[in-house]
Amino acid sequence: MPNPQFTKPWHGVPRDQIHWNPSIIEDACIGCGTCVTGCSRLVYRFEFDRKKPVVVDPMNCMVGCTTCANTCPAHAIAFPSIDTVLALEGLGQVRHAVEDDLLARHDILMATESLPHPDRIITLAVAQIEHLGTDVLRVQFKPAQAGECFCEFTPGQYIELWQPESSHLSRSYSIANAPHGDGSITLHIRRVEGGRFTQWAFEAMKVGDTVQARGPLGGFTMRSKSDTPLLFMAGGTGLAPVLALLEQQSRFTPQRDMVLVWGMRSPEAFYALDDLLALMARAPALKVYLASAEGWAGQVAADGLLHRVAGTAVDALMQNPDLLGERDVYTAGPPVMLREIARVLETARVDSARIHMDSFGV
């Protein structure tokens, strides 16, 4: 009988809606009983006559835990793909439940011995808001007070923003431009279903509003030698830090051999194409591939400069293996995409020192 203590909702999701439980591969099982005695949640029982473990209460299993499989000497325990859990982590209700739990237990969970955060917190003012389609905002921020700015940031870094008059945790956004000297930064804010910060950004934020910001943070910055060809791969608003890196390179090495592969779900989802065309004008060797997972049916290339590929960004790389060549790789996007790209690059035996990744949670 499932134990109510173990089957309570997982970050707001009812346990019976989560397919996460072990399966025993009987032909491989040696009947040692390690899984039975090692599981504190009583998922297993032991059939003494057959000398085999049995999964009796699968919903007792801790979501994401694979201790029994990791310690099975015969590798006789299988779990669903971890992607099933990662997909749940993309749900607004899960993210909010985690955030609320952290805040509710702040005094218990706070790392009291941690060092003070070294970065400054400053106030930024909303200077410009552009709706790029239905799901992305391009927002320019400027320092609210003269002399305060992120002028020293390095292209590829990100900042944290706090929603005004809210107790919610900060949200992280990559800066989509190289430094301009005036302290201005541009962010791409994607609408997240049920998202707390993005609901405010899309429905209430206006020019003149101020937000608290901390940064710059992150190490997704240019590490390659100036004569090394580059491959940039972006998924969704993972384009933002890539744009910053491309702007940097178009200023200092405009003749550099560079390729961008950008993946979106549909043709209508692509945005900021004006930015890409402007970069291509400044960096004539830059080639851009737009990968639409839903294909390009009925779509006509209006510019003749942007290559269109049917499929994901990973599909585009698989269909055009010459894009990889001897390039250093810079890729930013959702974790699922990055894992797929990592597998492709590993198969191609690309040296890990040439691979730079920036994972976007949600």
Protein backbone atom coordinates (compact mmCIF):
# COMPACT_ATOMS: atom_id res chain seq x y z
CA MET A 1 0.00 0.00 0.00
CA PRO A 2 1.55 3.37 -0.99
CA ASN A 3 2.69 5.46 1.96
CA PRO A 4 0.93 8.88 2.05
CA GLN A 5 4.12 10.39 3.42
CA PHE A 6 5.95 9.44 0.22
CA THR A 7 3.15 9.98 -2.29
CA LYS A 8 2.41 13.61 -1.52
CA PRO A 9 2.45 15.92 -4.58
CA TRP A 10 5.86 16.58 -6.10
CA HIS A 11 6.21 20.37 -6.31
CA GLY A 12 2.47 20.68 -6.79
CA VAL A 13 2.07 17.79 -9.27
CA PRO A 14 0.01 14.82 -7.97
CA ARG A 15 2.30 11.80 -7.62
CA ASP A 16 -0.04 9.54 -9.59
CA GLN A 17 0.45 11.80 -12.62
CA ILE A 18 4.21 11.24 -12.65
CA HIS A 19 5.54 8.19 -14.45
CA TRP A 20 8.64 7.56 -12.37
CA ASN A 21 9.19 4.12 -10.93
CA PRO A 22 11.69 1.28 -11.32
CA SER A 23 11.32 -1.85 -13.43
CA ILE A 24 13.24 -5.04 -12.70
CA ILE A 25 14.96 -6.85 -15.56
CA GLU A 26 14.42 -10.36 -14.21
CA ASP A 27 16.78 -12.11 -16.61
CA ALA A 28 19.61 -9.92 -15.35
CA CYS A 29 18.62 -9.90 -11.66
CA ILE A 30 20.84 -12.06 -9.43
CA GLY A 31 18.54 -11.86 -6.42
CA CYS A 32 21.00 -10.17 -4.10
CA GLY A 33 18.31 -8.02 -2.45
CA THR A 34 20.42 -4.85 -2.43
CA CYS A 35 17.56 -2.80 -3.88
CA VAL A 36 15.09 -4.11 -1.30
CA THR A 37 17.17 -3.36 1.77
CA GLY A 38 18.64 -0.16 0.38
CA CYS A 39 15.35 1.58 -0.41
CA SER A 40 14.09 3.49 2.62
CA ARG A 41 10.76 4.18 0.92
CA LEU A 42 9.63 0.54 0.77
CA VAL A 43 9.20 0.50 -2.99
CA TYR A 44 10.35 -3.13 -3.09
CA ARG A 45 9.53 -6.41 -1.38
CA PHE A 46 11.49 -9.67 -1.62
CA GLU A 47 10.12 -13.00 -2.84
CA PHE A 48 12.17 -15.43 -0.76
CA ASP A 49 11.09 -18.50 -2.72
CA ARG A 50 12.25 -17.09 -6.06
CA LYS A 51 14.98 -14.92 -4.56
CA LYS A 52 13.77 -11.97 -6.59
CA PRO A 53 12.81 -8.40 -5.69
CA VAL A 54 9.34 -7.17 -6.61
CA VAL A 55 8.19 -3.58 -7.17
CA VAL A 56 5.15 -3.32 -4.89
CA ASP A 57 4.64 0.40 -4.18
CA PRO A 58 6.06 2.28 -7.19
CA MET A 59 4.50 5.59 -6.15
CA ASN A 60 6.62 5.55 -2.99
CA CYS A 61 9.64 6.09 -5.25
CA MET A 62 11.26 9.51 -4.94
CA VAL A 63 10.95 11.38 -8.22
CA GLY A 64 14.34 11.56 -9.89
CA CYS A 65 16.02 9.10 -7.51
CA THR A 66 17.92 6.21 -9.11
CA THR A 67 19.93 5.01 -6.12
CA CYS A 68 18.75 1.42 -6.46
CA ALA A 69 19.72 1.30 -10.13
CA ASN A 70 23.08 2.92 -9.42
CA THR A 71 23.93 0.37 -6.72
CA CYS A 72 22.56 -2.75 -8.44
CA PRO A 73 25.61 -4.98 -9.13
CA ALA A 74 23.82 -6.66 -12.05
CA HIS A 75 22.44 -3.49 -13.68
CA ALA A 76 19.03 -5.12 -13.50
CA ILE A 77 16.92 -2.04 -12.67
CA ALA A 78 15.61 0.40 -15.26
CA PHE A 79 13.92 3.78 -14.93
CA PRO A 80 12.10 6.02 -17.43
CA SER A 81 14.18 8.67 -19.15
CA ILE A 82 15.13 11.57 -16.89
CA ASP A 83 13.59 13.74 -19.62
CA THR A 84 10.19 12.88 -18.14
CA VAL A 85 11.20 14.70 -14.96
CA LEU A 86 12.90 17.55 -16.79
CA ALA A 87 9.69 18.12 -18.75
CA LEU A 88 7.81 18.55 -15.47
CA GLU A 89 10.38 21.08 -14.30
CA GLY A 90 9.37 23.26 -17.22
CA LEU A 91 5.83 23.64 -15.87
CA GLY A 92 4.96 26.94 -14.27
CA GLN A 93 3.27 25.27 -11.30
CA VAL A 94 6.45 23.30 -10.54
CA ARG A 95 8.74 26.32 -10.77
CA HIS A 96 6.41 28.35 -8.59
CA ALA A 97 6.07 25.55 -6.02
CA VAL A 98 9.86 25.35 -5.72
CA GLU A 99 10.13 29.13 -5.39
CA ASP A 100 7.39 29.28 -2.76
CA ASP A 101 8.99 26.45 -0.77
CA LEU A 102 12.37 28.18 -0.79
CA LEU A 103 10.84 31.44 0.42
CA ALA A 104 8.67 29.74 3.05
CA ARG A 105 11.69 27.95 4.53
CA HIS A 106 14.14 30.80 3.99
CA ASP A 107 15.54 30.76 7.53
CA ILE A 108 16.06 26.99 7.46
CA LEU A 109 17.49 26.64 3.95
CA MET A 110 19.64 29.77 3.83
CA ALA A 111 23.36 29.05 3.58
CA THR A 112 24.37 31.22 6.53
CA GLU A 113 28.10 30.81 5.96
CA SER A 114 28.02 31.82 2.30
CA LEU A 115 30.08 34.82 1.26
CA PRO A 116 28.27 38.06 0.42
CA HIS A 117 27.48 38.35 -3.27
CA PRO A 118 30.29 40.39 -4.86
CA ASP A 119 28.21 41.98 -7.59
CA ARG A 120 26.43 45.29 -7.31
CA ILE A 121 22.71 45.78 -7.25
CA ILE A 122 21.64 48.83 -9.21
CA THR A 123 18.39 50.33 -10.45
CA LEU A 124 17.58 50.15 -14.15
CA ALA A 125 14.84 52.07 -15.95
CA VAL A 126 12.79 50.65 -18.80
CA ALA A 127 13.72 52.77 -21.82
CA GLN A 128 12.03 50.92 -24.68
CA ILE A 129 9.67 47.97 -25.14
CA GLU A 130 9.11 46.18 -28.45
CA HIS A 131 6.72 43.28 -29.00
CA LEU A 132 8.42 40.84 -31.35
CA GLY A 133 5.52 38.61 -32.31
CA THR A 134 3.23 37.38 -29.55
CA ASP A 135 5.73 35.68 -27.26
CA VAL A 136 8.90 37.80 -27.06
CA LEU A 137 9.64 41.28 -25.76
CA ARG A 138 12.78 43.16 -26.68
CA VAL A 139 13.35 45.51 -23.75
CA GLN A 140 16.04 48.14 -23.45
CA PHE A 141 17.09 49.21 -19.97
CA LYS A 142 19.22 52.19 -19.01
CA PRO A 143 20.71 53.21 -15.65
CA ALA A 144 18.16 55.07 -13.54
CA GLN A 145 20.99 57.13 -12.05
CA ALA A 146 23.90 58.63 -13.93
CA GLY A 147 27.15 56.83 -13.29
CA GLU A 148 25.55 53.49 -12.48
CA CYS A 149 25.78 50.99 -15.30
CA PHE A 150 26.86 47.57 -16.48
CA CYS A 151 29.37 49.17 -18.84
CA GLU A 152 32.00 46.64 -17.87
CA PHE A 153 30.01 43.51 -18.80
CA THR A 154 31.40 41.01 -21.29
CA PRO A 155 29.23 39.88 -24.23
CA GLY A 156 27.54 36.59 -23.38
CA GLN A 157 26.91 37.40 -19.71
CA TYR A 158 23.54 37.75 -17.98
CA ILE A 159 21.90 39.75 -15.21
CA GLU A 160 19.28 39.07 -12.57
CA LEU A 161 16.10 41.15 -12.31
CA TRP A 162 13.60 41.51 -9.49
CA GLN A 163 9.95 42.19 -10.18
CA PRO A 164 8.94 45.49 -8.55
CA GLU A 165 6.92 45.24 -5.35
CA SER A 166 7.24 41.46 -5.28
CA SER A 167 8.80 38.96 -2.88
CA HIS A 168 9.53 36.49 -5.68
CA LEU A 169 13.06 35.35 -6.42
CA SER A 170 15.06 37.10 -9.12
CA ARG A 171 14.90 36.01 -12.77
CA SER A 172 17.97 35.68 -15.00
CA TYR A 173 18.18 37.09 -18.52
CA SER A 174 21.11 37.17 -20.93
CA ILE A 175 22.19 40.52 -22.30
CA ALA A 176 21.52 40.63 -26.04
CA ASN A 177 24.04 43.32 -26.99
CA ALA A 178 27.70 44.17 -26.66
CA PRO A 179 28.55 47.18 -24.44
CA HIS A 180 27.57 50.50 -26.04
CA GLY A 181 29.28 52.77 -23.53
CA ASP A 182 26.08 54.39 -22.27
CA GLY A 183 25.17 51.63 -19.84
CA SER A 184 22.17 50.45 -21.87
CA ILE A 185 21.38 46.76 -22.14
CA THR A 186 18.83 44.86 -24.20
CA LEU A 187 17.03 41.74 -22.98
CA HIS A 188 14.80 39.24 -24.77
CA ILE A 189 11.94 38.22 -22.48
CA ARG A 190 9.96 35.18 -23.62
CA ARG A 191 6.40 34.71 -22.45
CA VAL A 192 6.23 31.70 -20.13
CA GLU A 193 2.81 30.18 -19.57
CA GLY A 194 1.87 30.95 -15.98
CA GLY A 195 5.18 32.73 -15.43
CA ARG A 196 5.07 35.29 -12.64
CA PHE A 197 7.74 37.65 -13.90
CA THR A 198 6.75 37.37 -17.55
CA GLN A 199 3.09 38.02 -16.74
CA TRP A 200 4.15 41.31 -15.17
CA ALA A 201 6.49 42.08 -18.08
CA PHE A 202 3.87 41.46 -20.77
CA GLU A 203 0.84 42.90 -19.01
CA ALA A 204 2.06 45.65 -16.70
CA MET A 205 5.62 46.77 -17.46
CA LYS A 206 5.86 50.16 -19.14
CA VAL A 207 8.50 52.65 -20.19
CA GLY A 208 9.78 54.51 -17.15
CA ASP A 209 9.33 51.63 -14.72
CA THR A 210 12.38 50.77 -12.63
CA VAL A 211 13.70 47.37 -11.60
CA GLN A 212 16.48 46.18 -9.33
CA ALA A 213 19.24 44.35 -11.18
CA ARG A 214 22.37 42.44 -10.21
CA GLY A 215 25.29 41.49 -12.39
CA PRO A 216 26.97 40.96 -14.68
CA LEU A 217 27.17 37.21 -14.17
CA GLY A 218 28.14 34.13 -16.16
CA GLY A 219 31.07 32.84 -18.18
CA PHE A 220 29.51 32.23 -21.61
CA THR A 221 32.03 34.57 -23.20
CA MET A 222 34.36 34.47 -26.18
CA ARG A 223 37.30 32.17 -25.43
CA SER A 224 38.51 31.41 -28.97
CA LYS A 225 41.52 32.81 -30.78
CA SER A 226 40.74 35.55 -33.27
CA ASP A 227 41.54 33.36 -36.29
CA THR A 228 39.42 30.38 -35.20
CA PRO A 229 36.19 29.82 -37.18
CA LEU A 230 33.05 29.75 -35.05
CA LEU A 231 29.74 27.90 -34.98
CA PHE A 232 26.95 29.45 -32.91
CA MET A 233 23.84 27.40 -32.14
CA ALA A 234 20.82 28.92 -30.42
CA GLY A 235 17.42 27.66 -29.40
CA GLY A 236 14.57 30.09 -28.70
CA THR A 237 15.69 33.14 -26.73
CA GLY A 238 19.08 31.48 -26.43
CA LEU A 239 19.66 33.84 -29.35
CA ALA A 240 20.19 36.71 -26.88
CA PRO A 241 23.74 35.94 -25.67
CA VAL A 242 24.67 34.74 -29.14
CA LEU A 243 23.64 38.12 -30.59
CA ALA A 244 25.91 39.81 -28.06
CA LEU A 245 28.83 37.61 -29.09
CA LEU A 246 28.13 38.16 -32.79
CA GLU A 247 27.96 41.92 -32.29
CA GLN A 248 31.30 41.79 -30.51
CA GLN A 249 32.91 39.78 -33.31
CA SER A 250 31.41 41.95 -36.06
CA ARG A 251 33.15 44.94 -34.47
CA PHE A 252 36.58 43.45 -33.93
CA THR A 253 36.90 40.59 -36.48
CA PRO A 254 34.28 41.34 -39.17
CA GLN A 255 35.94 39.02 -41.71
CA ARG A 256 35.85 36.06 -39.34
CA ASP A 257 34.36 32.78 -40.61
CA MET A 258 31.17 32.43 -38.54
CA VAL A 259 27.97 30.37 -38.80
CA LEU A 260 24.78 30.74 -36.77
CA VAL A 261 22.15 27.99 -36.56
CA TRP A 262 19.01 29.18 -34.77
CA GLY A 263 16.14 26.83 -34.00
CA MET A 264 12.52 27.73 -33.28
CA ARG A 265 9.29 25.76 -33.21
CA SER A 266 7.61 27.49 -36.18
CA PRO A 267 8.41 30.06 -38.89
CA GLU A 268 6.25 32.64 -37.11
CA ALA A 269 8.32 32.29 -33.93
CA PHE A 270 11.50 33.78 -35.39
CA TYR A 271 12.09 37.34 -34.25
CA ALA A 272 14.83 40.01 -34.34
CA LEU A 273 15.66 39.16 -37.94
CA ASP A 274 16.52 42.83 -38.38
CA ASP A 275 19.36 42.34 -35.91
CA LEU A 276 20.65 39.34 -37.84
CA LEU A 277 20.57 41.13 -41.19
CA ALA A 278 22.39 44.11 -39.68
CA LEU A 279 25.08 41.81 -38.33
CA MET A 280 25.44 40.10 -41.70
CA ALA A 281 25.94 43.49 -43.33
CA ARG A 282 28.80 44.24 -40.94
CA ALA A 283 30.27 40.73 -41.02
CA PRO A 284 30.02 39.51 -44.63
CA ALA A 285 31.42 36.05 -43.82
CA LEU A 286 28.58 35.33 -41.36
CA LYS A 287 26.12 32.68 -42.56
CA VAL A 288 22.75 32.24 -40.83
CA TYR A 289 20.57 29.12 -40.84
CA LEU A 290 17.02 29.27 -39.48
CA ALA A 291 15.71 25.86 -38.40
CA SER A 292 11.94 25.53 -38.02
CA ALA A 293 10.80 22.34 -36.30
CA GLU A 294 7.43 22.63 -38.06
CA GLY A 295 9.00 23.22 -41.46
CA TRP A 296 8.57 26.11 -43.87
CA ALA A 297 5.42 25.17 -45.77
CA GLY A 298 4.11 28.19 -47.64
CA GLN A 299 6.93 30.42 -46.43
CA VAL A 300 8.91 32.39 -48.99
CA ALA A 301 12.42 33.66 -48.29
CA ALA A 302 12.02 37.42 -48.55
CA ASP A 303 15.65 38.36 -48.06
CA GLY A 304 17.60 35.65 -49.86
CA LEU A 305 20.33 35.79 -47.22
CA LEU A 306 18.96 33.59 -44.44
CA HIS A 307 19.15 29.86 -45.14
CA ARG A 308 16.03 27.95 -44.11
CA VAL A 309 16.11 24.40 -42.77
CA ALA A 310 13.16 22.15 -41.92
CA GLY A 311 13.76 20.57 -38.52
CA THR A 312 15.45 21.48 -35.27
CA ALA A 313 18.81 23.18 -34.86
CA VAL A 314 20.29 19.73 -34.20
CA ASP A 315 18.69 18.47 -37.43
CA ALA A 316 20.27 21.36 -39.29
CA LEU A 317 23.68 20.37 -37.98
CA MET A 318 23.11 16.72 -38.88
CA GLN A 319 21.92 17.65 -42.38
CA ASN A 320 24.88 19.97 -42.92
CA PRO A 321 27.87 18.31 -41.21
CA ASP A 322 30.26 20.66 -42.99
CA LEU A 323 28.96 23.45 -40.74
CA LEU A 324 30.95 21.96 -37.88
CA GLY A 325 34.31 21.60 -39.58
CA GLU A 326 37.09 22.78 -37.27
CA ARG A 327 34.94 25.42 -35.63
CA ASP A 328 34.73 26.24 -31.96
CA VAL A 329 31.13 25.83 -30.83
CA TYR A 330 29.07 28.29 -28.78
CA THR A 331 25.54 27.12 -28.04
CA ALA A 332 22.75 28.54 -25.87
CA GLY A 333 19.23 27.27 -25.34
CA PRO A 334 17.04 24.89 -23.34
CA PRO A 335 18.67 21.91 -21.59
CA VAL A 336 17.05 19.30 -23.86
CA MET A 337 18.57 20.93 -26.94
CA LEU A 338 21.98 21.25 -25.31
CA ARG A 339 22.02 17.57 -24.37
CA GLU A 340 21.23 16.62 -27.96
CA ILE A 341 23.94 18.91 -29.29
CA ALA A 342 26.41 17.50 -26.76
CA ARG A 343 25.68 13.98 -28.02
CA VAL A 344 26.21 15.03 -31.63
CA LEU A 345 29.47 16.77 -30.81
CA GLU A 346 30.67 13.80 -28.76
CA THR A 347 29.92 11.48 -31.67
CA ALA A 348 31.85 13.82 -33.94
CA ARG A 349 34.73 13.69 -31.42
CA VAL A 350 34.85 17.43 -30.95
CA ASP A 351 37.33 18.35 -28.22
CA SER A 352 35.41 19.50 -25.14
CA ALA A 353 37.74 22.50 -24.89
CA ARG A 354 36.16 23.79 -28.12
CA ILE A 355 32.60 23.57 -26.79
CA HIS A 356 30.97 26.39 -24.80
CA MET A 357 27.38 26.07 -23.54
CA ASP A 358 24.84 28.31 -21.84
CA SER A 359 21.78 26.47 -20.55
CA PHE A 360 18.44 28.30 -20.32
CA GLY A 361 16.22 26.74 -17.71
CA VAL A 362 12.85 28.17 -18.62
